[in-house]
N, C-alpha and C. Protein backbone atom coordinates (compact mmCIF):
# COMPACT_ATOMS: atom_id res chain seq x y z
N MET A 1 108.13 -8.56 -2.43
CA MET A 1 108.49 -8.17 -1.07
C MET A 1 107.58 -8.90 -0.09
N GLU A 2 108.22 -9.54 0.86
CA GLU A 2 107.52 -10.24 1.97
C GLU A 2 107.02 -9.20 2.94
N ILE A 3 105.77 -9.34 3.42
CA ILE A 3 105.22 -8.43 4.42
C ILE A 3 104.93 -9.27 5.69
N ILE A 4 105.45 -8.74 6.80
CA ILE A 4 105.24 -9.36 8.06
C ILE A 4 104.51 -8.40 8.99
N ASP A 5 103.26 -8.72 9.38
CA ASP A 5 102.49 -7.81 10.21
C ASP A 5 102.51 -8.38 11.62
N LEU A 6 103.18 -7.66 12.54
CA LEU A 6 103.29 -8.13 13.93
C LEU A 6 102.15 -7.70 14.82
N GLY A 7 101.23 -6.92 14.28
CA GLY A 7 100.06 -6.60 15.09
C GLY A 7 100.35 -5.60 16.20
N SER A 8 99.78 -5.85 17.35
CA SER A 8 99.84 -4.84 18.42
C SER A 8 101.13 -4.91 19.25
N ALA A 9 101.45 -5.98 19.90
CA ALA A 9 102.60 -6.03 20.80
C ALA A 9 103.68 -6.91 20.18
N VAL A 10 104.96 -6.50 20.31
CA VAL A 10 106.04 -7.28 19.81
C VAL A 10 106.51 -8.22 20.94
N THR A 11 106.34 -9.53 20.71
CA THR A 11 106.67 -10.51 21.77
C THR A 11 107.92 -11.31 21.32
N ARG A 12 108.45 -12.12 22.22
CA ARG A 12 109.59 -12.95 21.91
C ARG A 12 109.18 -13.93 20.79
N GLU A 13 107.94 -14.39 20.80
CA GLU A 13 107.49 -15.30 19.75
C GLU A 13 107.49 -14.55 18.38
N ASP A 14 107.11 -13.29 18.38
CA ASP A 14 107.16 -12.51 17.13
C ASP A 14 108.57 -12.42 16.59
N ILE A 15 109.54 -12.13 17.50
CA ILE A 15 110.92 -12.00 17.10
C ILE A 15 111.39 -13.34 16.55
N GLY A 16 111.03 -14.48 17.16
CA GLY A 16 111.39 -15.80 16.67
C GLY A 16 110.79 -16.05 15.28
N HIS A 17 109.58 -15.63 15.13
CA HIS A 17 108.89 -15.78 13.80
C HIS A 17 109.60 -14.97 12.71
N VAL A 18 109.93 -13.75 13.05
CA VAL A 18 110.64 -12.90 12.11
C VAL A 18 111.99 -13.52 11.78
N ARG A 19 112.73 -14.01 12.77
CA ARG A 19 114.03 -14.63 12.56
C ARG A 19 113.91 -15.79 11.54
N ARG A 20 112.91 -16.64 11.70
CA ARG A 20 112.75 -17.75 10.79
C ARG A 20 112.47 -17.27 9.37
N LEU A 21 111.63 -16.24 9.22
CA LEU A 21 111.32 -15.72 7.87
C LEU A 21 112.53 -15.04 7.26
N LEU A 22 113.32 -14.34 8.09
CA LEU A 22 114.49 -13.63 7.53
C LEU A 22 115.51 -14.64 6.99
N ALA A 23 115.58 -15.79 7.55
CA ALA A 23 116.55 -16.82 7.10
C ALA A 23 116.31 -17.17 5.64
N GLU A 24 115.14 -16.95 5.11
CA GLU A 24 114.83 -17.33 3.71
C GLU A 24 115.04 -16.15 2.71
N VAL A 25 115.32 -14.98 3.23
CA VAL A 25 115.49 -13.80 2.35
C VAL A 25 116.89 -13.76 1.78
N LYS A 26 116.94 -13.64 0.44
CA LYS A 26 118.25 -13.61 -0.23
C LYS A 26 118.81 -12.19 -0.31
N PRO A 27 120.12 -12.08 -0.49
CA PRO A 27 120.76 -10.76 -0.61
C PRO A 27 120.06 -9.92 -1.69
N GLY A 28 119.78 -8.66 -1.34
CA GLY A 28 119.13 -7.74 -2.23
C GLY A 28 117.60 -7.75 -2.13
N GLU A 29 117.02 -8.80 -1.54
CA GLU A 29 115.60 -8.85 -1.32
C GLU A 29 115.16 -8.06 -0.11
N GLU A 30 113.91 -7.61 -0.13
CA GLU A 30 113.35 -6.77 0.92
C GLU A 30 112.18 -7.48 1.62
N VAL A 31 112.02 -7.07 2.89
CA VAL A 31 110.83 -7.45 3.65
C VAL A 31 110.32 -6.14 4.27
N ARG A 32 109.01 -6.09 4.52
CA ARG A 32 108.39 -5.00 5.21
C ARG A 32 107.78 -5.55 6.46
N ILE A 33 108.11 -4.99 7.60
CA ILE A 33 107.58 -5.40 8.87
C ILE A 33 106.69 -4.27 9.39
N ILE A 34 105.51 -4.66 9.77
CA ILE A 34 104.52 -3.65 10.19
C ILE A 34 104.15 -3.83 11.69
N LEU A 35 104.22 -2.72 12.39
CA LEU A 35 103.83 -2.68 13.83
C LEU A 35 102.78 -1.66 14.07
N GLU A 36 102.09 -1.72 15.16
CA GLU A 36 101.22 -0.65 15.60
C GLU A 36 102.14 0.52 16.03
N ALA A 37 101.79 1.73 15.66
CA ALA A 37 102.63 2.90 16.03
C ALA A 37 102.82 3.02 17.52
N ALA A 38 101.81 2.65 18.28
CA ALA A 38 101.92 2.77 19.76
C ALA A 38 102.98 1.80 20.31
N ASP A 39 103.35 0.79 19.56
CA ASP A 39 104.33 -0.18 20.00
C ASP A 39 105.67 -0.01 19.35
N ALA A 40 105.85 1.08 18.67
CA ALA A 40 107.14 1.29 17.97
C ALA A 40 108.34 1.31 18.96
N HIS A 41 108.09 1.73 20.17
CA HIS A 41 109.13 1.76 21.17
C HIS A 41 109.64 0.34 21.52
N GLU A 42 108.87 -0.69 21.12
CA GLU A 42 109.29 -2.06 21.36
C GLU A 42 110.09 -2.64 20.21
N ALA A 43 110.49 -1.85 19.27
CA ALA A 43 111.17 -2.32 18.08
C ALA A 43 112.67 -2.55 18.27
N ASP A 44 113.20 -2.23 19.43
CA ASP A 44 114.64 -2.38 19.60
C ASP A 44 115.16 -3.78 19.38
N ASP A 45 114.41 -4.80 19.87
CA ASP A 45 114.81 -6.19 19.68
C ASP A 45 114.77 -6.55 18.17
N LEU A 46 113.77 -5.99 17.47
CA LEU A 46 113.67 -6.20 16.02
C LEU A 46 114.86 -5.58 15.29
N PHE A 47 115.25 -4.38 15.69
CA PHE A 47 116.38 -3.72 15.03
C PHE A 47 117.68 -4.48 15.28
N THR A 48 117.84 -4.99 16.48
CA THR A 48 119.03 -5.78 16.84
C THR A 48 119.07 -7.01 16.00
N LEU A 49 117.94 -7.68 15.84
CA LEU A 49 117.82 -8.90 15.02
C LEU A 49 118.23 -8.59 13.57
N LEU A 50 117.63 -7.50 12.99
CA LEU A 50 117.93 -7.15 11.62
C LEU A 50 119.43 -6.91 11.39
N ARG A 51 120.05 -6.15 12.31
CA ARG A 51 121.47 -5.88 12.15
C ARG A 51 122.27 -7.17 12.23
N HIS A 52 121.95 -8.02 13.18
CA HIS A 52 122.63 -9.31 13.39
C HIS A 52 122.50 -10.25 12.18
N GLU A 53 121.37 -10.20 11.51
CA GLU A 53 121.13 -11.06 10.37
C GLU A 53 121.56 -10.48 9.04
N GLY A 54 122.21 -9.33 9.07
CA GLY A 54 122.77 -8.75 7.86
C GLY A 54 121.82 -7.94 7.03
N PHE A 55 120.92 -7.18 7.70
CA PHE A 55 119.92 -6.33 7.01
C PHE A 55 120.22 -4.86 7.26
N ASP A 56 120.01 -4.05 6.23
CA ASP A 56 119.90 -2.60 6.40
C ASP A 56 118.44 -2.34 6.49
N TYR A 57 118.01 -1.39 7.26
CA TYR A 57 116.58 -1.12 7.44
C TYR A 57 116.29 0.34 7.61
N GLN A 58 115.06 0.67 7.27
CA GLN A 58 114.54 2.06 7.38
C GLN A 58 113.20 2.04 8.01
N PRO A 59 113.09 2.54 9.23
CA PRO A 59 111.76 2.65 9.87
C PRO A 59 111.04 3.94 9.40
N LYS A 60 109.74 3.85 9.39
CA LYS A 60 108.93 4.99 8.94
C LYS A 60 107.51 4.89 9.54
N GLY A 61 107.04 5.95 10.05
CA GLY A 61 105.63 6.01 10.51
C GLY A 61 104.71 6.23 9.36
N SER A 62 103.44 5.77 9.55
CA SER A 62 102.43 6.01 8.56
C SER A 62 101.93 7.44 8.59
N GLY A 63 101.28 7.87 7.57
CA GLY A 63 100.76 9.22 7.55
C GLY A 63 99.68 9.49 8.57
N ASN A 64 98.88 8.42 8.92
CA ASN A 64 97.84 8.63 9.89
C ASN A 64 98.24 8.35 11.34
N GLY A 65 99.52 7.97 11.55
CA GLY A 65 100.02 7.77 12.88
C GLY A 65 99.62 6.46 13.55
N ARG A 66 99.03 5.56 12.80
CA ARG A 66 98.53 4.32 13.37
C ARG A 66 99.53 3.14 13.21
N ARG A 67 100.28 3.18 12.19
CA ARG A 67 101.21 2.07 11.84
C ARG A 67 102.63 2.56 11.77
N TYR A 68 103.53 1.59 11.95
CA TYR A 68 104.95 1.87 11.91
C TYR A 68 105.57 0.81 11.02
N TYR A 69 106.21 1.23 9.90
CA TYR A 69 106.74 0.30 8.91
C TYR A 69 108.25 0.26 9.01
N VAL A 70 108.80 -0.95 8.91
CA VAL A 70 110.21 -1.12 8.80
C VAL A 70 110.49 -1.87 7.50
N THR A 71 111.20 -1.22 6.59
CA THR A 71 111.58 -1.87 5.33
C THR A 71 113.02 -2.29 5.46
N ALA A 72 113.27 -3.58 5.32
CA ALA A 72 114.63 -4.12 5.46
C ALA A 72 115.10 -4.82 4.24
N ARG A 73 116.35 -4.62 3.89
CA ARG A 73 116.95 -5.30 2.70
C ARG A 73 118.18 -6.05 3.18
N ARG A 74 118.23 -7.32 2.80
CA ARG A 74 119.42 -8.13 3.13
C ARG A 74 120.62 -7.59 2.33
N LEU A 75 121.71 -7.35 3.03
CA LEU A 75 122.93 -6.88 2.41
C LEU A 75 123.64 -8.03 1.79
N PRO A 76 124.42 -7.80 0.73
CA PRO A 76 125.25 -8.87 0.12
C PRO A 76 126.33 -9.29 1.15
N PRO A 77 126.78 -10.55 1.05
CA PRO A 77 127.86 -10.95 1.93
C PRO A 77 129.10 -10.18 1.74
N ARG A 78 129.90 -10.00 2.78
CA ARG A 78 131.11 -9.22 2.65
C ARG A 78 132.27 -10.06 2.21
């Protein structure tokens, strides 16, 4: 599983970086994207990208409230 840590703020550059990495993920493979929990409200662009690129995803907060995890799996082609 590929892990992408976006750190504190989700920028356009971060979204571009994620887009480039997602292009290499094969159907059935997963990636985990990590954000600071305080920036989880900025994840809308990330979710839009994941849907557009053919991923199903599940967001989840960490137990300590500091991190926000998005596990995404590329769906098979239709």
